């Protein structure tokens, strides 16, 4: 352990200037995560390539002409590929959150890649309930509640007139857990409750017209036209029936 610490210290001290960018990675707990380097950045004559965790723990050692060596503590938890010097973290857990760095040693030490990994649980499902509905001849208003399984909830009110709907009052968003939020919003005629974080999302949606029937001008015109059509059709049927009846009566009289 002491020799490993000394090697890491020397590598960091003599590291050549390179990319200092750290790539943030959010990943779902329980899933496998692949971390890679750019193959073109690996010198052909390198002597050692190391993947480390938090700058202290060695995950994998790559040496030319040899199979990658996974540290004993990560046996069964890490897979390494000699073809592209990638590492796969299997069954990612919260304890695996941290900074993973790949460094290569040739004429000088060079940082190839660095990832800041955060393991997150998927968010819980979200439910939507309609608490109240009030309507008049020209408008409708309803209040909904979005709630998660871990007892977080928000309330919001939506109002519709004969042409449009809008979100008028209440809460629009709320943080449920670190990195996760609960939101409610209107998309056209859909009310959507959304629960999401960087690795997962779930939603619930309802049509606003299922609760607020809006009698718009165009709908009124269509309805009036439909009424006229029905009246005309009924009248036409009655008239045709009368003509047929008269014709049958005349035919019966001639037959007698």
Protein backbone atom coordinates (compact mmCIF):
# COMPACT_ATOMS: atom_id res chain seq x y z
CA UNK A 1 0.00 0.00 0.00
CA UNK A 2 2.84 2.38 0.81
CA UNK A 3 4.55 1.74 -2.54
CA UNK A 4 1.29 2.40 -4.38
CA UNK A 5 0.84 5.70 -2.54
CA UNK A 6 4.41 6.71 -3.42
CA UNK A 7 3.88 5.86 -7.09
CA UNK A 8 0.66 7.86 -7.22
CA UNK A 9 2.32 10.80 -5.53
CA UNK A 10 5.16 10.78 -8.02
CA UNK A 11 2.78 10.50 -10.96
CA UNK A 12 0.79 13.52 -9.81
CA UNK A 13 3.92 15.57 -9.10
CA UNK A 14 5.51 15.01 -12.51
CA UNK A 15 2.31 15.01 -14.53
CA UNK A 16 2.65 16.89 -17.82
CA UNK A 17 0.21 19.71 -18.60
CA UNK A 18 -2.90 18.31 -20.20
CA UNK A 19 -6.66 18.53 -20.11
CA UNK A 20 -7.86 19.61 -16.67
CA UNK A 21 -11.53 19.13 -17.57
CA UNK A 22 -13.50 16.81 -15.31
CA UNK A 23 -16.47 15.15 -16.98
CA UNK A 24 -19.51 14.90 -14.68
CA UNK A 25 -21.34 11.58 -14.92
CA UNK A 26 -24.66 10.84 -13.22
CA UNK A 27 -25.54 7.15 -13.29
CA UNK A 28 -28.34 4.98 -11.94
CA UNK A 29 -27.46 2.80 -8.96
CA UNK A 30 -27.27 -0.90 -9.75
CA UNK A 31 -26.30 -0.42 -13.39
CA UNK A 32 -22.91 -0.86 -15.07
CA UNK A 33 -20.89 2.22 -16.02
CA UNK A 34 -18.22 2.26 -18.74
CA UNK A 35 -15.38 4.79 -18.46
CA UNK A 36 -13.19 5.30 -21.51
CA UNK A 37 -10.12 7.14 -22.76
CA UNK A 38 -9.32 8.43 -26.24
CA UNK A 39 -7.15 5.74 -27.84
CA UNK A 40 -5.29 8.30 -29.96
CA UNK A 41 -4.05 9.97 -26.76
CA UNK A 42 -2.30 6.81 -25.54
CA UNK A 43 1.41 6.81 -26.61
CA UNK A 44 2.53 3.65 -28.40
CA UNK A 45 5.61 3.38 -26.19
CA UNK A 46 3.86 3.84 -22.85
CA UNK A 47 5.14 1.90 -19.88
CA UNK A 48 2.16 2.13 -17.51
CA UNK A 49 -1.50 3.22 -17.63
CA UNK A 50 -3.39 3.53 -14.36
CA UNK A 51 -7.03 4.06 -13.48
CA UNK A 52 -7.42 5.48 -9.97
CA UNK A 53 -10.31 6.35 -7.66
CA UNK A 54 -10.20 9.65 -5.75
CA UNK A 55 -6.49 9.93 -6.50
CA UNK A 56 -5.58 7.25 -3.95
CA UNK A 57 -6.96 3.83 -4.86
CA UNK A 58 -5.69 2.00 -7.96
CA UNK A 59 -8.42 0.18 -9.88
CA UNK A 60 -6.54 -1.20 -12.89
CA UNK A 61 -2.95 -1.29 -14.19
CA UNK A 62 -2.28 -1.64 -17.91
CA UNK A 63 1.23 -2.61 -19.08
CA UNK A 64 2.30 -3.27 -22.70
CA UNK A 65 2.07 -6.93 -23.71
CA UNK A 66 0.26 -7.95 -20.51
CA UNK A 67 -3.28 -8.52 -19.44
CA UNK A 68 -4.74 -5.69 -17.35
CA UNK A 69 -4.35 -6.19 -13.62
CA UNK A 70 -7.39 -5.36 -11.51
CA UNK A 71 -6.66 -4.52 -7.86
CA UNK A 72 -7.73 -7.23 -5.42
CA UNK A 73 -10.26 -4.95 -3.73
CA UNK A 74 -12.06 -4.49 -7.06
CA UNK A 75 -11.97 -8.11 -8.25
CA UNK A 76 -15.41 -8.99 -9.61
CA UNK A 77 -16.51 -5.36 -9.48
CA UNK A 78 -14.41 -3.95 -12.32
CA UNK A 79 -13.86 -5.20 -15.88
CA UNK A 80 -10.92 -3.88 -17.92
CA UNK A 81 -10.39 -3.96 -21.70
CA UNK A 82 -6.86 -4.18 -23.06
CA UNK A 83 -8.15 -3.15 -26.51
CA UNK A 84 -9.18 0.39 -25.54
CA UNK A 85 -8.00 0.72 -21.90
CA UNK A 86 -11.55 1.22 -20.67
CA UNK A 87 -12.92 0.14 -17.29
CA UNK A 88 -16.45 -0.97 -16.49
CA UNK A 89 -17.78 -0.41 -12.98
CA UNK A 90 -20.32 -3.15 -12.32
CA UNK A 91 -23.43 -2.71 -10.19
CA UNK A 92 -22.65 0.91 -9.35
CA UNK A 93 -23.41 1.87 -5.74
CA UNK A 94 -23.40 5.11 -3.77
CA UNK A 95 -19.98 4.27 -2.31
CA UNK A 96 -18.63 4.25 -5.87
CA UNK A 97 -19.38 7.97 -6.28
CA UNK A 98 -16.16 9.94 -6.67
CA UNK A 99 -13.46 10.94 -9.17
CA UNK A 100 -12.00 8.37 -11.57
CA UNK A 101 -8.77 9.32 -13.34
CA UNK A 102 -6.76 7.65 -16.10
CA UNK A 103 -3.04 8.54 -16.35
CA UNK A 104 -0.43 7.17 -18.72
CA UNK A 105 3.37 7.11 -18.28
CA UNK A 106 5.69 7.33 -21.29
CA UNK A 107 8.35 10.03 -21.64
CA UNK A 108 6.22 11.92 -19.17
CA UNK A 109 3.03 11.38 -17.17
CA UNK A 110 -0.14 12.53 -18.87
CA UNK A 111 -3.72 12.65 -17.67
CA UNK A 112 -5.96 10.97 -20.26
CA UNK A 113 -9.42 11.31 -18.70
CA UNK A 114 -11.15 12.25 -15.46
CA UNK A 115 -14.75 11.59 -14.48
CA UNK A 116 -16.70 12.82 -11.49
CA UNK A 117 -19.22 10.02 -10.97
CA UNK A 118 -22.42 10.35 -8.95
CA UNK A 119 -24.61 7.29 -8.33
CA UNK A 120 -28.31 8.07 -7.93
CA UNK A 121 -31.46 6.12 -7.15
CA UNK A 122 -34.20 6.30 -9.79
CA UNK A 123 -37.07 8.58 -8.81
CA UNK A 124 -40.32 7.15 -7.49
CA UNK A 125 -43.57 7.22 -9.52
CA UNK A 126 -45.75 10.32 -9.35
CA UNK A 127 -49.54 10.44 -8.97
CA UNK A 128 -51.99 13.18 -9.94
CA UNK A 129 -55.36 13.87 -8.34
CA UNK A 130 -57.93 16.49 -9.30
CA UNK A 131 -59.02 18.15 -6.06
CA UNK A 132 -61.69 20.58 -7.26
CA UNK A 133 -63.41 21.80 -10.41
CA UNK A 134 -65.49 24.93 -10.80
CA UNK A 135 -67.04 26.12 -14.05
CA UNK A 136 -69.30 28.79 -15.50
CA UNK A 137 -70.71 29.46 -18.95
CA UNK A 138 -67.44 30.90 -20.24
CA UNK A 139 -64.64 29.50 -18.00
CA UNK A 140 -63.48 26.57 -15.94
CA UNK A 141 -60.95 26.21 -13.14
CA UNK A 142 -59.46 23.11 -11.54
CA UNK A 143 -56.88 22.39 -8.86
CA UNK A 144 -54.60 19.35 -9.02
CA UNK A 145 -52.12 17.73 -6.64
CA UNK A 146 -48.97 15.94 -7.78
CA UNK A 147 -47.53 13.55 -5.17
CA UNK A 148 -44.66 11.08 -4.92
CA UNK A 149 -44.37 7.86 -2.96
CA UNK A 150 -42.08 9.53 -0.43
CA UNK A 151 -44.84 12.01 0.56
CA UNK A 152 -43.69 15.06 -1.42
CA UNK A 153 -46.48 16.98 -3.16
CA UNK A 154 -47.33 20.23 -4.92
CA UNK A 155 -50.66 21.87 -5.77
CA UNK A 156 -51.45 24.02 -8.77
CA UNK A 157 -54.51 25.68 -10.33
CA UNK A 158 -55.40 25.83 -14.04
CA UNK A 159 -58.00 28.09 -15.63
CA UNK A 160 -59.57 27.80 -19.09
CA UNK A 161 -61.72 30.20 -21.05
CA UNK A 162 -63.39 29.48 -24.38
CA UNK A 163 -60.07 29.60 -26.24
CA UNK A 164 -57.06 28.93 -24.00
CA UNK A 165 -55.93 27.39 -20.73
CA UNK A 166 -53.27 28.73 -18.37
CA UNK A 167 -51.57 27.84 -15.08
CA UNK A 168 -52.77 30.50 -12.68
CA UNK A 169 -51.65 29.72 -9.15
CA UNK A 170 -50.07 27.35 -6.66
CA UNK A 171 -46.68 25.64 -6.86
CA UNK A 172 -44.92 24.77 -10.10
CA UNK A 173 -41.89 22.85 -8.79
CA UNK A 174 -40.33 21.44 -5.63
CA UNK A 175 -37.04 19.72 -4.75
CA UNK A 176 -37.80 16.22 -3.41
CA UNK A 177 -34.30 14.83 -2.82
CA UNK A 178 -30.83 16.17 -3.70
CA UNK A 179 -30.73 16.34 -7.48
CA UNK A 180 -34.43 15.48 -7.93
CA UNK A 181 -37.45 17.72 -8.49
CA UNK A 182 -41.22 17.48 -8.79
CA UNK A 183 -42.86 19.71 -11.43
CA UNK A 184 -46.36 20.38 -12.73
CA UNK A 185 -47.05 22.22 -15.96
CA UNK A 186 -49.47 22.62 -18.85
CA UNK A 187 -48.65 21.38 -22.36
CA UNK A 188 -51.41 22.35 -24.80
CA UNK A 189 -54.45 20.61 -23.23
CA UNK A 190 -52.40 18.24 -21.04
CA UNK A 191 -51.63 18.73 -17.36
CA UNK A 192 -48.36 16.91 -16.61
CA UNK A 193 -46.84 15.95 -13.25
CA UNK A 194 -43.16 15.12 -13.69
CA UNK A 195 -40.71 13.65 -11.15
CA UNK A 196 -37.11 13.51 -12.37
CA UNK A 197 -33.41 13.59 -11.56
CA UNK A 198 -30.29 13.25 -13.72
CA UNK A 199 -30.73 9.51 -14.28
CA UNK A 200 -34.49 8.87 -14.46
CA UNK A 201 -37.92 10.41 -14.82
CA UNK A 202 -41.55 9.44 -14.43
CA UNK A 203 -44.74 11.36 -15.11
CA UNK A 204 -48.52 11.30 -14.92
CA UNK A 205 -50.80 13.25 -17.22
CA UNK A 206 -54.47 14.10 -17.64
CA UNK A 207 -56.44 15.84 -20.39
CA UNK A 208 -57.86 19.09 -19.11
CA UNK A 209 -60.96 18.64 -21.31
CA UNK A 210 -61.86 15.54 -19.31
CA UNK A 211 -62.73 17.88 -16.44
CA UNK A 212 -63.36 21.26 -18.10
CA UNK A 213 -65.73 21.16 -21.07
CA UNK A 214 -65.08 24.34 -23.03
CA UNK A 215 -67.88 25.44 -25.39
CA UNK A 216 -65.91 27.46 -27.93
CA UNK A 217 -67.34 29.43 -30.82
CA UNK A 218 -66.22 26.85 -33.38
CA UNK A 219 -67.81 24.07 -31.33
CA UNK A 220 -71.02 26.09 -31.17
CA UNK A 221 -71.05 26.43 -34.95
CA UNK A 222 -70.46 22.72 -35.39
CA UNK A 223 -73.20 21.88 -32.92
CA UNK A 224 -75.73 24.18 -34.63
CA UNK A 225 -74.85 22.69 -38.00
CA UNK A 226 -75.32 19.20 -36.55
CA UNK A 227 -78.73 20.12 -35.16
CA UNK A 228 -79.82 21.51 -38.53
CA UNK A 229 -78.60 18.37 -40.26
CA UNK A 230 -80.51 16.11 -37.88
CA UNK A 231 -83.71 18.17 -38.25
CA UNK A 232 -83.42 18.14 -42.02
CA UNK A 233 -82.80 14.39 -42.08
CA UNK A 234 -85.78 13.66 -39.84
CA UNK A 235 -88.01 15.88 -41.97
CA UNK A 236 -86.82 14.18 -45.12
CA UNK A 237 -87.56 10.73 -43.68
CA UNK A 238 -91.06 11.84 -42.63
CA UNK A 239 -91.78 13.30 -46.07
CA UNK A 240 -90.56 10.20 -47.91
CA UNK A 241 -92.55 7.98 -45.58
CA UNK A 242 -95.68 10.03 -46.24
CA UNK A 243 -95.22 9.79 -50.01
CA UNK A 244 -94.71 6.02 -49.82
CA UNK A 245 -97.77 5.65 -47.59
CA UNK A 246 -99.96 7.61 -50.03
CA UNK A 247 -98.66 5.53 -52.94
CA UNK A 248 -99.44 2.29 -51.12
CA UNK A 249 -102.93 3.52 -50.23
CA UNK A 250 -103.69 4.34 -53.87
CA UNK A 251 -102.37 0.95 -54.97
CA UNK A 252 -104.57 -0.85 -52.43
CA UNK A 253 -107.65 1.05 -53.60
CA UNK A 254 -107.02 0.14 -57.23
CA UNK A 255 -106.52 -3.51 -56.26
CA UNK A 256 -109.89 -3.64 -54.44
